[in-house]
Amino acid sequence: MNIADLLVGSGIGGILLAIVQAVVQRRKLGADTAKTDADATSVLTAAAVALVAPLNAQIKGLEEQLDRVKTKTNELEAQLDASHARESAKDALIAELTRGGSAR
């Protein structure tokens, strides 16, 4: 084996080694990227939950407040209807008494 054969053999070996290293690096980079993506997704999910939890509590409180307001509104509407009925009855009585008094 002469120097030229050795250099050619080393050159091909070096090229093959470089190709193998490139493939290994590409796979490692792909795995690192997947892990980074998973970590980012986990962080974003945790942040979203942390932001949404207080809003859910606030919504629940507002729904309870709305239920109380609806109940109070229904009570007040019933009182108003009763007041209108009493007013109509009084108006009818006044009209009847007024007619009775003018007939005398």
PDB file of N, CA and C in Angstrom:
ATOM      1  N   MET A   1       0.847  -1.154   0.000  1.00  0.00           N
ATOM      2  CA  MET A   1       0.000   0.000   0.000  1.00  0.00           C
ATOM      3  C   MET A   1       0.904   1.232   0.000  1.00  0.00           C
ATOM      4  N   ASN A   2       0.617   2.118  -0.888  1.00  0.00           N
ATOM      5  CA  ASN A   2       1.440   3.319  -0.963  1.00  0.00           C
ATOM      6  C   ASN A   2       0.697   4.498  -0.345  1.00  0.00           C
ATOM      7  N   ILE A   3       1.335   5.604  -0.301  1.00  0.00           N
ATOM      8  CA  ILE A   3       0.793   6.808   0.334  1.00  0.00           C
ATOM      9  C   ILE A   3      -0.464   7.268  -0.390  1.00  0.00           C
ATOM     10  N   ALA A   4      -0.490   7.177  -1.682  1.00  0.00           N
ATOM     11  CA  ALA A   4      -1.651   7.636  -2.449  1.00  0.00           C
ATOM     12  C   ALA A   4      -2.872   6.814  -2.090  1.00  0.00           C
ATOM     13  N   ASP A   5      -2.704   5.479  -1.996  1.00  0.00           N
ATOM     14  CA  ASP A   5      -3.840   4.625  -1.617  1.00  0.00           C
ATOM     15  C   ASP A   5      -4.311   4.952  -0.207  1.00  0.00           C
ATOM     16  N   LEU A   6      -3.385   5.204   0.669  1.00  0.00           N
ATOM     17  CA  LEU A   6      -3.724   5.527   2.050  1.00  0.00           C
ATOM     18  C   LEU A   6      -4.485   6.853   2.130  1.00  0.00           C
ATOM     19  N   LEU A   7      -4.036   7.828   1.383  1.00  0.00           N
ATOM     20  CA  LEU A   7      -4.721   9.122   1.383  1.00  0.00           C
ATOM     21  C   LEU A   7      -6.109   9.029   0.767  1.00  0.00           C
ATOM     22  N   VAL A   8      -6.232   8.265  -0.312  1.00  0.00           N
ATOM     23  CA  VAL A   8      -7.546   8.091  -0.942  1.00  0.00           C
ATOM     24  C   VAL A   8      -8.473   7.349   0.009  1.00  0.00           C
ATOM     25  N   GLY A   9      -7.961   6.281   0.643  1.00  0.00           N
ATOM     26  CA  GLY A   9      -8.751   5.514   1.610  1.00  0.00           C
ATOM     27  C   GLY A   9      -9.169   6.369   2.788  1.00  0.00           C
ATOM     28  N   SER A  10      -8.248   7.220   3.277  1.00  0.00           N
ATOM     29  CA  SER A  10      -8.557   8.106   4.401  1.00  0.00           C
ATOM     30  C   SER A  10      -9.592   9.142   3.980  1.00  0.00           C
ATOM     31  N   GLY A  11      -9.463   9.624   2.780  1.00  0.00           N
ATOM     32  CA  GLY A  11     -10.419  10.627   2.285  1.00  0.00           C
ATOM     33  C   GLY A  11     -11.816  10.051   2.204  1.00  0.00           C
ATOM     34  N   ILE A  12     -11.944   8.839   1.676  1.00  0.00           N
ATOM     35  CA  ILE A  12     -13.267   8.200   1.593  1.00  0.00           C
ATOM     36  C   ILE A  12     -13.780   7.896   2.987  1.00  0.00           C
ATOM     37  N   GLY A  13     -12.891   7.421   3.865  1.00  0.00           N
ATOM     38  CA  GLY A  13     -13.286   7.155   5.260  1.00  0.00           C
ATOM     39  C   GLY A  13     -13.737   8.428   5.944  1.00  0.00           C
ATOM     40  N   GLY A  14     -13.022   9.516   5.681  1.00  0.00           N
ATOM     41  CA  GLY A  14     -13.387  10.802   6.271  1.00  0.00           C
ATOM     42  C   GLY A  14     -14.742  11.286   5.773  1.00  0.00           C
ATOM     43  N   ILE A  15     -14.972  11.081   4.481  1.00  0.00           N
ATOM     44  CA  ILE A  15     -16.266  11.486   3.903  1.00  0.00           C
ATOM     45  C   ILE A  15     -17.389  10.657   4.508  1.00  0.00           C
ATOM     46  N   LEU A  16     -17.175   9.354   4.620  1.00  0.00           N
ATOM     47  CA  LEU A  16     -18.189   8.484   5.215  1.00  0.00           C
ATOM     48  C   LEU A  16     -18.436   8.869   6.671  1.00  0.00           C
ATOM     49  N   LEU A  17     -17.375   9.160   7.401  1.00  0.00           N
ATOM     50  CA  LEU A  17     -17.513   9.571   8.794  1.00  0.00           C
ATOM     51  C   LEU A  17     -18.301  10.883   8.888  1.00  0.00           C
ATOM     52  N   ALA A  18     -18.028  11.817   8.012  1.00  0.00           N
ATOM     53  CA  ALA A  18     -18.748  13.095   8.004  1.00  0.00           C
ATOM     54  C   ALA A  18     -20.224  12.881   7.710  1.00  0.00           C
ATOM     55  N   ILE A  19     -20.544  11.967   6.788  1.00  0.00           N
ATOM     56  CA  ILE A  19     -21.946  11.681   6.452  1.00  0.00           C
ATOM     57  C   ILE A  19     -22.656  11.068   7.653  1.00  0.00           C
ATOM     58  N   VAL A  20     -22.015  10.100   8.299  1.00  0.00           N
ATOM     59  CA  VAL A  20     -22.619   9.458   9.473  1.00  0.00           C
ATOM     60  C   VAL A  20     -22.833  10.488  10.578  1.00  0.00           C
ATOM     61  N   GLN A  21     -21.864  11.360  10.810  1.00  0.00           N
ATOM     62  CA  GLN A  21     -22.003  12.389  11.843  1.00  0.00           C
ATOM     63  C   GLN A  21     -23.142  13.349  11.508  1.00  0.00           C
ATOM     64  N   ALA A  22     -23.298  13.685  10.246  1.00  0.00           N
ATOM     65  CA  ALA A  22     -24.381  14.583   9.837  1.00  0.00           C
ATOM     66  C   ALA A  22     -25.742  13.950  10.101  1.00  0.00           C
ATOM     67  N   VAL A  23     -25.889  12.667   9.803  1.00  0.00           N
ATOM     68  CA  VAL A  23     -27.161  11.963  10.038  1.00  0.00           C
ATOM     69  C   VAL A  23     -27.466  11.915  11.534  1.00  0.00           C
ATOM     70  N   VAL A  24     -26.447  11.596  12.330  1.00  0.00           N
ATOM     71  CA  VAL A  24     -26.643  11.531  13.778  1.00  0.00           C
ATOM     72  C   VAL A  24     -27.025  12.905  14.323  1.00  0.00           C
ATOM     73  N   GLN A  25     -26.364  13.956  13.870  1.00  0.00           N
ATOM     74  CA  GLN A  25     -26.672  15.310  14.333  1.00  0.00           C
ATOM     75  C   GLN A  25     -28.095  15.715  13.938  1.00  0.00           C
ATOM     76  N   ARG A  26     -28.515  15.343  12.731  1.00  0.00           N
ATOM     77  CA  ARG A  26     -29.864  15.674  12.273  1.00  0.00           C
ATOM     78  C   ARG A  26     -30.902  14.993  13.163  1.00  0.00           C
ATOM     79  N   ARG A  27     -30.673  13.721  13.499  1.00  0.00           N
ATOM     80  CA  ARG A  27     -31.608  13.004  14.368  1.00  0.00           C
ATOM     81  C   ARG A  27     -31.644  13.638  15.759  1.00  0.00           C
ATOM     82  N   LYS A  28     -30.477  13.984  16.283  1.00  0.00           N
ATOM     83  CA  LYS A  28     -30.405  14.614  17.602  1.00  0.00           C
ATOM     84  C   LYS A  28     -31.124  15.956  17.581  1.00  0.00           C
ATOM     85  N   LEU A  29     -30.927  16.718  16.525  1.00  0.00           N
ATOM     86  CA  LEU A  29     -31.599  18.011  16.399  1.00  0.00           C
ATOM     87  C   LEU A  29     -33.114  17.823  16.344  1.00  0.00           C
ATOM     88  N   GLY A  30     -33.572  16.797  15.599  1.00  0.00           N
ATOM     89  CA  GLY A  30     -35.013  16.522  15.529  1.00  0.00           C
ATOM     90  C   GLY A  30     -35.578  16.163  16.888  1.00  0.00           C
ATOM     91  N   ALA A  31     -34.864  15.343  17.652  1.00  0.00           N
ATOM     92  CA  ALA A  31     -35.317  14.968  18.988  1.00  0.00           C
ATOM     93  C   ALA A  31     -35.323  16.173  19.921  1.00  0.00           C
ATOM     94  N   ASP A  32     -34.285  17.002  19.840  1.00  0.00           N
ATOM     95  CA  ASP A  32     -34.229  18.207  20.673  1.00  0.00           C
ATOM     96  C   ASP A  32     -35.361  19.159  20.329  1.00  0.00           C
ATOM     97  N   THR A  33     -35.671  19.282  19.053  1.00  0.00           N
ATOM     98  CA  THR A  33     -36.768  20.158  18.616  1.00  0.00           C
ATOM     99  C   THR A  33     -38.093  19.644  19.146  1.00  0.00           C
ATOM    100  N   ALA A  34     -38.310  18.337  19.070  1.00  0.00           N
ATOM    101  CA  ALA A  34     -39.556  17.760  19.572  1.00  0.00           C
ATOM    102  C   ALA A  34     -39.697  17.997  21.072  1.00  0.00           C
ATOM    103  N   LYS A  35     -38.603  17.856  21.812  1.00  0.00           N
ATOM    104  CA  LYS A  35     -38.637  18.086  23.256  1.00  0.00           C
ATOM    105  C   LYS A  35     -38.920  19.555  23.553  1.00  0.00           C
ATOM    106  N   THR A  36     -38.290  20.434  22.817  1.00  0.00           N
ATOM    107  CA  THR A  36     -38.519  21.869  23.013  1.00  0.00           C
ATOM    108  C   THR A  36     -39.978  22.218  22.716  1.00  0.00           C
ATOM    109  N   ASP A  37     -40.530  21.645  21.654  1.00  0.00           N
ATOM    110  CA  ASP A  37     -41.935  21.884  21.319  1.00  0.00           C
ATOM    111  C   ASP A  37     -42.852  21.387  22.429  1.00  0.00           C
ATOM    112  N   ALA A  38     -42.552  20.207  22.964  1.00  0.00           N
ATOM    113  CA  ALA A  38     -43.370  19.653  24.047  1.00  0.00           C
ATOM    114  C   ALA A  38     -43.277  20.523  25.293  1.00  0.00           C
ATOM    115  N   ASP A  39     -42.072  20.995  25.606  1.00  0.00           N
ATOM    116  CA  ASP A  39     -41.896  21.876  26.762  1.00  0.00           C
ATOM    117  C   ASP A  39     -42.662  23.186  26.575  1.00  0.00           C
ATOM    118  N   ALA A  40     -42.586  23.738  25.382  1.00  0.00           N
ATOM    119  CA  ALA A  40     -43.296  24.986  25.093  1.00  0.00           C
ATOM    120  C   ALA A  40     -44.806  24.789  25.214  1.00  0.00           C
ATOM    121  N   THR A  41     -45.292  23.671  24.711  1.00  0.00           N
ATOM    122  CA  THR A  41     -46.726  23.371  24.806  1.00  0.00           C
ATOM    123  C   THR A  41     -47.143  23.255  26.263  1.00  0.00           C
ATOM    124  N   SER A  42     -46.327  22.602  27.055  1.00  0.00           N
ATOM    125  CA  SER A  42     -46.620  22.453  28.482  1.00  0.00           C
ATOM    126  C   SER A  42     -46.659  23.804  29.187  1.00  0.00           C
ATOM    127  N   VAL A  43     -45.719  24.665  28.877  1.00  0.00           N
ATOM    128  CA  VAL A  43     -45.672  25.995  29.495  1.00  0.00           C
ATOM    129  C   VAL A  43     -46.892  26.811  29.076  1.00  0.00           C
ATOM    130  N   LEU A  44     -47.237  26.763  27.804  1.00  0.00           N
ATOM    131  CA  LEU A  44     -48.401  27.521  27.316  1.00  0.00           C
ATOM    132  C   LEU A  44     -49.695  27.004  27.938  1.00  0.00           C
ATOM    133  N   THR A  45     -49.802  25.691  28.073  1.00  0.00           N
ATOM    134  CA  THR A  45     -51.000  25.109  28.680  1.00  0.00           C
ATOM    135  C   THR A  45     -51.132  25.551  30.132  1.00  0.00           C
ATOM    136  N   ALA A  46     -50.046  25.507  30.865  1.00  0.00           N
ATOM    137  CA  ALA A  46     -50.070  25.935  32.269  1.00  0.00           C
ATOM    138  C   ALA A  46     -50.434  27.414  32.378  1.00  0.00           C
ATOM    139  N   ALA A  47     -49.898  28.224  31.491  1.00  0.00           N
ATOM    140  CA  ALA A  47     -50.212  29.660  31.511  1.00  0.00           C
ATOM    141  C   ALA A  47     -51.684  29.894  31.195  1.00  0.00           C
ATOM    142  N   ALA A  48     -52.210  29.163  30.232  1.00  0.00           N
ATOM    143  CA  ALA A  48     -53.623  29.312  29.869  1.00  0.00           C
ATOM    144  C   ALA A  48     -54.525  28.921  31.037  1.00  0.00           C
ATOM    145  N   VAL A  49     -54.204  27.826  31.692  1.00  0.00           N
ATOM    146  CA  VAL A  49     -54.997  27.389  32.850  1.00  0.00           C
ATOM    147  C   VAL A  49     -54.930  28.435  33.955  1.00  0.00           C
ATOM    148  N   ALA A  50     -53.742  28.980  34.180  1.00  0.00           N
ATOM    149  CA  ALA A  50     -53.581  29.997  35.224  1.00  0.00           C
ATOM    150  C   ALA A  50     -54.386  31.257  34.903  1.00  0.00           C
ATOM    151  N   LEU A  51     -54.522  31.588  33.635  1.00  0.00           N
ATOM    152  CA  LEU A  51     -55.289  32.768  33.249  1.00  0.00           C
ATOM    153  C   LEU A  51     -56.790  32.508  33.269  1.00  0.00           C
ATOM    154  N   VAL A  52     -57.194  31.301  32.906  1.00  0.00           N
ATOM    155  CA  VAL A  52     -58.616  30.993  32.779  1.00  0.00           C
ATOM    156  C   VAL A  52     -59.269  30.719  34.135  1.00  0.00           C
ATOM    157  N   ALA A  53     -58.545  30.156  35.076  1.00  0.00           N
ATOM    158  CA  ALA A  53     -59.128  29.794  36.376  1.00  0.00           C
ATOM    159  C   ALA A  53     -59.779  30.993  37.076  1.00  0.00           C
ATOM    160  N   PRO A  54     -59.112  32.131  37.199  1.00  0.00           N
ATOM    161  CA  PRO A  54     -59.777  33.270  37.842  1.00  0.00           C
ATOM    162  C   PRO A  54     -60.986  33.763  37.044  1.00  0.00           C
ATOM    163  N   LEU A  55     -60.908  33.674  35.739  1.00  0.00           N
ATOM    164  CA  LEU A  55     -62.044  34.104  34.921  1.00  0.00           C
ATOM    165  C   LEU A  55     -63.244  33.198  35.150  1.00  0.00           C
ATOM    166  N   ASN A  56     -62.995  31.899  35.274  1.00  0.00           N
ATOM    167  CA  ASN A  56     -64.093  30.968  35.553  1.00  0.00           C
ATOM    168  C   ASN A  56     -64.739  31.285  36.898  1.00  0.00           C
ATOM    169  N   ALA A  57     -63.929  31.605  37.886  1.00  0.00           N
ATOM    170  CA  ALA A  57     -64.471  31.968  39.201  1.00  0.00           C
ATOM    171  C   ALA A  57     -65.288  33.251  39.109  1.00  0.00           C
ATOM    172  N   GLN A  58     -64.791  34.202  38.347  1.00  0.00           N
ATOM    173  CA  GLN A  58     -65.515  35.466  38.182  1.00  0.00           C
ATOM    174  C   GLN A  58     -66.833  35.230  37.453  1.00  0.00           C
ATOM    175  N   ILE A  59     -66.821  34.390  36.436  1.00  0.00           N
ATOM    176  CA  ILE A  59     -68.053  34.076  35.692  1.00  0.00           C
ATOM    177  C   ILE A  59     -69.069  33.424  36.616  1.00  0.00           C
ATOM    178  N   LYS A  60     -68.606  32.487  37.444  1.00  0.00           N
ATOM    179  CA  LYS A  60     -69.512  31.817  38.376  1.00  0.00           C
ATOM    180  C   LYS A  60     -70.146  32.829  39.325  1.00  0.00           C
ATOM    181  N   GLY A  61     -69.329  33.747  39.855  1.00  0.00           N
ATOM    182  CA  GLY A  61     -69.855  34.784  40.744  1.00  0.00           C
ATOM    183  C   GLY A  61     -70.878  35.668  40.046  1.00  0.00           C
ATOM    184  N   LEU A  62     -70.601  36.022  38.800  1.00  0.00           N
ATOM    185  CA  LEU A  62     -71.535  36.863  38.046  1.00  0.00           C
ATOM    186  C   LEU A  62     -72.831  36.117  37.732  1.00  0.00           C
ATOM    187  N   GLU A  63     -72.725  34.815  37.463  1.00  0.00           N
ATOM    188  CA  GLU A  63     -73.940  34.021  37.222  1.00  0.00           C
ATOM    189  C   GLU A  63     -74.806  33.964  38.475  1.00  0.00           C
ATOM    190  N   GLU A  64     -74.164  33.806  39.635  1.00  0.00           N
ATOM    191  CA  GLU A  64     -74.913  33.799  40.898  1.00  0.00           C
ATOM    192  C   GLU A  64     -75.576  35.148  41.147  1.00  0.00           C
ATOM    193  N   GLN A  65     -74.839  36.221  40.867  1.00  0.00           N
ATOM    194  CA  GLN A  65     -75.393  37.564  41.039  1.00  0.00           C
ATOM    195  C   GLN A  65     -76.575  37.767  40.085  1.00  0.00           C
ATOM    196  N   LEU A  66     -76.444  37.297  38.869  1.00  0.00           N
ATOM    197  CA  LEU A  66     -77.527  37.418  37.893  1.00  0.00           C
ATOM    198  C   LEU A  66     -78.766  36.661  38.358  1.00  0.00           C
ATOM    199  N   ASP A  67     -78.577  35.476  38.929  1.00  0.00           N
ATOM    200  CA  ASP A  67     -79.718  34.713  39.455  1.00  0.00           C
ATOM    201  C   ASP A  67     -80.434  35.492  40.548  1.00  0.00           C
ATOM    202  N   ARG A  68     -79.644  36.144  41.443  1.00  0.00           N
ATOM    203  CA  ARG A  68     -80.264  36.939  42.512  1.00  0.00           C
ATOM    204  C   ARG A  68     -81.030  38.128  41.930  1.00  0.00           C
ATOM    205  N   VAL A  69     -80.466  38.772  40.926  1.00  0.00           N
ATOM    206  CA  VAL A  69     -81.129  39.919  40.298  1.00  0.00           C
ATOM    207  C   VAL A  69     -82.424  39.479  39.607  1.00  0.00           C
ATOM    208  N   LYS A  70     -82.383  38.334  38.947  1.00  0.00           N
ATOM    209  CA  LYS A  70     -83.593  37.829  38.293  1.00  0.00           C
ATOM    210  C   LYS A  70     -84.682  37.528  39.310  1.00  0.00           C
ATOM    211  N   THR A  71     -84.292  36.929  40.430  1.00  0.00           N
ATOM    212  CA  THR A  71     -85.265  36.617  41.482  1.00  0.00           C
ATOM    213  C   THR A  71     -85.877  37.909  42.023  1.00  0.00           C
ATOM    214  N   LYS A  72     -85.028  38.891  42.299  1.00  0.00           N
ATOM    215  CA  LYS A  72     -85.520  40.173  42.824  1.00  0.00           C
ATOM    216  C   LYS A  72     -86.420  40.868  41.802  1.00  0.00           C
ATOM    217  N   THR A  73     -86.051  40.788  40.528  1.00  0.00           N
ATOM    218  CA  THR A  73     -86.862  41.394  39.463  1.00  0.00           C
ATOM    219  C   THR A  73     -88.242  40.749  39.422  1.00  0.00           C
ATOM    220  N   ASN A  74     -88.285  39.435  39.510  1.00  0.00           N
ATOM    221  CA  ASN A  74     -89.576  38.740  39.509  1.00  0.00           C
ATOM    222  C   ASN A  74     -90.428  39.155  40.704  1.00  0.00           C
ATOM    223  N   GLU A  75     -89.795  39.289  41.890  1.00  0.00           N
ATOM    224  CA  GLU A  75     -90.524  39.731  43.082  1.00  0.00           C
ATOM    225  C   GLU A  75     -91.079  41.136  42.883  1.00  0.00           C
ATOM    226  N   LEU A  76     -90.261  42.035  42.357  1.00  0.00           N
ATOM    227  CA  LEU A  76     -90.698  43.423  42.156  1.00  0.00           C
ATOM    228  C   LEU A  76     -91.794  43.513  41.094  1.00  0.00           C
ATOM    229  N   GLU A  77     -91.699  42.705  40.055  1.00  0.00           N
ATOM    230  CA  GLU A  77     -92.751  42.693  39.033  1.00  0.00           C
ATOM    231  C   GLU A  77     -94.066  42.207  39.625  1.00  0.00           C
ATOM    232  N   ALA A  78     -94.009  41.208  40.484  1.00  0.00           N
ATOM    233  CA  ALA A  78     -95.228  40.713  41.139  1.00  0.00           C
ATOM    234  C   ALA A  78     -95.820  41.795  42.037  1.00  0.00           C
ATOM    235  N   GLN A  79     -94.963  42.516  42.779  1.00  0.00           N
ATOM    236  CA  GLN A  79     -95.451  43.609  43.620  1.00  0.00           C
ATOM    237  C   GLN A  79     -96.070  44.720  42.775  1.00  0.00           C
ATOM    238  N   LEU A  80     -95.460  45.021  41.654  1.00  0.00           N
ATOM    239  CA  LEU A  80     -95.982  46.065  40.770  1.00  0.00           C
ATOM    240  C   LEU A  80     -97.337  45.656  40.193  1.00  0.00           C
ATOM    241  N   ASP A  81     -97.449  44.392  39.774  1.00  0.00           N
ATOM    242  CA  ASP A  81     -98.734  43.906  39.259  1.00  0.00           C
ATOM    243  C   ASP A  81     -99.812  43.997  40.336  1.00  0.00           C
ATOM    244  N   ALA A  82     -99.480  43.634  41.572  1.00  0.00           N
ATOM    245  CA  ALA A  82    -100.443  43.720  42.673  1.00  0.00           C
ATOM    246  C   ALA A  82    -100.825  45.171  42.933  1.00  0.00           C
ATOM    247  N   SER A  83     -99.844  46.079  42.856  1.00  0.00           N
ATOM    248  CA  SER A  83    -100.124  47.502  43.054  1.00  0.00           C
ATOM    249  C   SER A  83    -101.062  48.029  41.967  1.00  0.00           C
ATOM    250  N   HIS A  84    -100.802  47.607  40.716  1.00  0.00           N
ATOM    251  CA  HIS A  84    -101.696  48.027  39.618  1.00  0.00           C
ATOM    252  C   HIS A  84    -103.108  47.497  39.834  1.00  0.00           C
ATOM    253  N   ALA A  85    -103.217  46.288  40.316  1.00  0.00           N
ATOM    254  CA  ALA A  85    -104.541  45.708  40.568  1.00  0.00           C
ATOM    255  C   ALA A  85    -105.262  46.495  41.665  1.00  0.00           C
ATOM    256  N   ARG A  86    -104.535  46.842  42.736  1.00  0.00           N
ATOM    257  CA  ARG A  86    -105.148  47.630  43.817  1.00  0.00           C
ATOM    258  C   ARG A  86    -105.554  49.016  43.302  1.00  0.00           C
ATOM    259  N   GLU A  87    -104.702  49.617  42.475  1.00  0.00           N
ATOM    260  CA  GLU A  87    -105.007  50.934  41.921  1.00  0.00           C
ATOM    261  C   GLU A  87    -106.251  50.873  41.037  1.00  0.00           C
ATOM    262  N   SER A  88    -106.343  49.839  40.232  1.00  0.00           N
ATOM    263  CA  SER A  88    -107.530  49.684  39.376  1.00  0.00           C
ATOM    264  C   SER A  88    -108.782  49.500  40.215  1.00  0.00           C
ATOM    265  N   ALA A  89    -108.657  48.721  41.275  1.00  0.00           N
ATOM    266  CA  ALA A  89    -109.813  48.507  42.162  1.00  0.00           C
ATOM    267  C   ALA A  89    -110.221  49.822  42.822  1.00  0.00           C
ATOM    268  N   LYS A  90    -109.244  50.618  43.257  1.00  0.00           N
ATOM    269  CA  LYS A  90    -109.550  51.917  43.869  1.00  0.00           C
ATOM    270  C   LYS A  90    -110.199  52.852  42.851  1.00  0.00           C
ATOM    271  N   ASP A  91    -109.670  52.859  41.626  1.00  0.00           N
ATOM    272  CA  ASP A  91    -110.247  53.699  40.581  1.00  0.00           C
ATOM    273  C   ASP A  91    -111.694  53.299  40.311  1.00  0.00           C
ATOM    274  N   ALA A  92    -111.949  52.020  40.291  1.00  0.00           N
ATOM    275  CA  ALA A  92    -113.313  51.546  40.055  1.00  0.00           C
ATOM    276  C   ALA A  92    -114.225  51.959  41.206  1.00  0.00           C
ATOM    277  N   LEU A  93    -113.721  51.849  42.429  1.00  0.00           N
ATOM    278  CA  LEU A  93    -114.523  52.238  43.591  1.00  0.00           C
ATOM    279  C   LEU A  93    -114.790  53.733  43.574  1.00  0.00           C
ATOM    280  N   ILE A  94    -113.776  54.523  43.232  1.00  0.00           N
ATOM    281  CA  ILE A  94    -113.957  55.974  43.157  1.00  0.00           C
ATOM    282  C   ILE A  94    -115.005  56.311  42.089  1.00  0.00           C
ATOM    283  N   ALA A  95    -114.908  55.649  40.945  1.00  0.00           N
ATOM    284  CA  ALA A  95    -115.874  55.908  39.876  1.00  0.00           C
ATOM    285  C   ALA A  95    -117.268  55.541  40.334  1.00  0.00           C
ATOM    286  N   GLU A  96    -117.392  54.429  41.014  1.00  0.00           N
ATOM    287  CA  GLU A  96    -118.718  53.986  41.489  1.00  0.00           C
ATOM    288  C   GLU A  96    -119.265  54.973  42.513  1.00  0.00           C
ATOM    289  N   LEU A  97    -118.434  55.394  43.454  1.00  0.00           N
ATOM    290  CA  LEU A  97    -118.864  56.345  44.470  1.00  0.00           C
ATOM    291  C   LEU A  97    -119.193  57.696  43.860  1.00  0.00           C
ATOM    292  N   THR A  98    -118.426  58.086  42.862  1.00  0.00           N
ATOM    293  CA  THR A  98    -118.673  59.371  42.212  1.00  0.00           C
ATOM    294  C   THR A  98    -120.012  59.329  41.472  1.00  0.00           C
ATOM    295  N   ARG A  99    -120.295  58.237  40.790  1.00  0.00           N
ATOM    296  CA  ARG A  99    -121.577  58.103  40.094  1.00  0.00           C
ATOM    297  C   ARG A  99    -122.721  58.068  41.108  1.00  0.00           C
ATOM    298  N   GLY A 100    -122.510  57.371  42.188  1.00  0.00           N
ATOM    299  CA  GLY A 100    -123.548  57.261  43.214  1.00  0.00           C
ATOM    300  C   GLY A 100    -123.818  58.588  43.866  1.00  0.00           C
ATOM    301  N   GLY A 101    -122.794  59.395  44.063  1.00  0.00           N
ATOM    302  CA  GLY A 101    -122.939  60.686  44.711  1.00  0.00           C
ATOM    303  C   GLY A 101    -123.595  61.688  43.797  1.00  0.00           C
ATOM    304  N   SER A 102    -123.352  61.624  42.476  1.00  0.00           N
ATOM    305  CA  SER A 102    -123.937  62.584  41.563  1.00  0.00           C
ATOM    306  C   SER A 102    -125.384  62.216  41.266  1.00  0.00           C
ATOM    307  N   ALA A 103    -125.762  60.959  41.511  1.00  0.00           N
ATOM    308  CA  ALA A 103    -127.149  60.545  41.265  1.00  0.00           C
ATOM    309  C   ALA A 103    -128.018  61.012  42.391  1.00  0.00           C
ATOM    310  N   ARG A 104    -127.516  61.374  43.490  1.00  0.00           N
ATOM    311  CA  ARG A 104    -128.295  61.789  44.643  1.00  0.00           C
ATOM    312  C   ARG A 104    -128.775  63.161  44.528  1.00  0.00           C
TER     313      ARG A 104
END
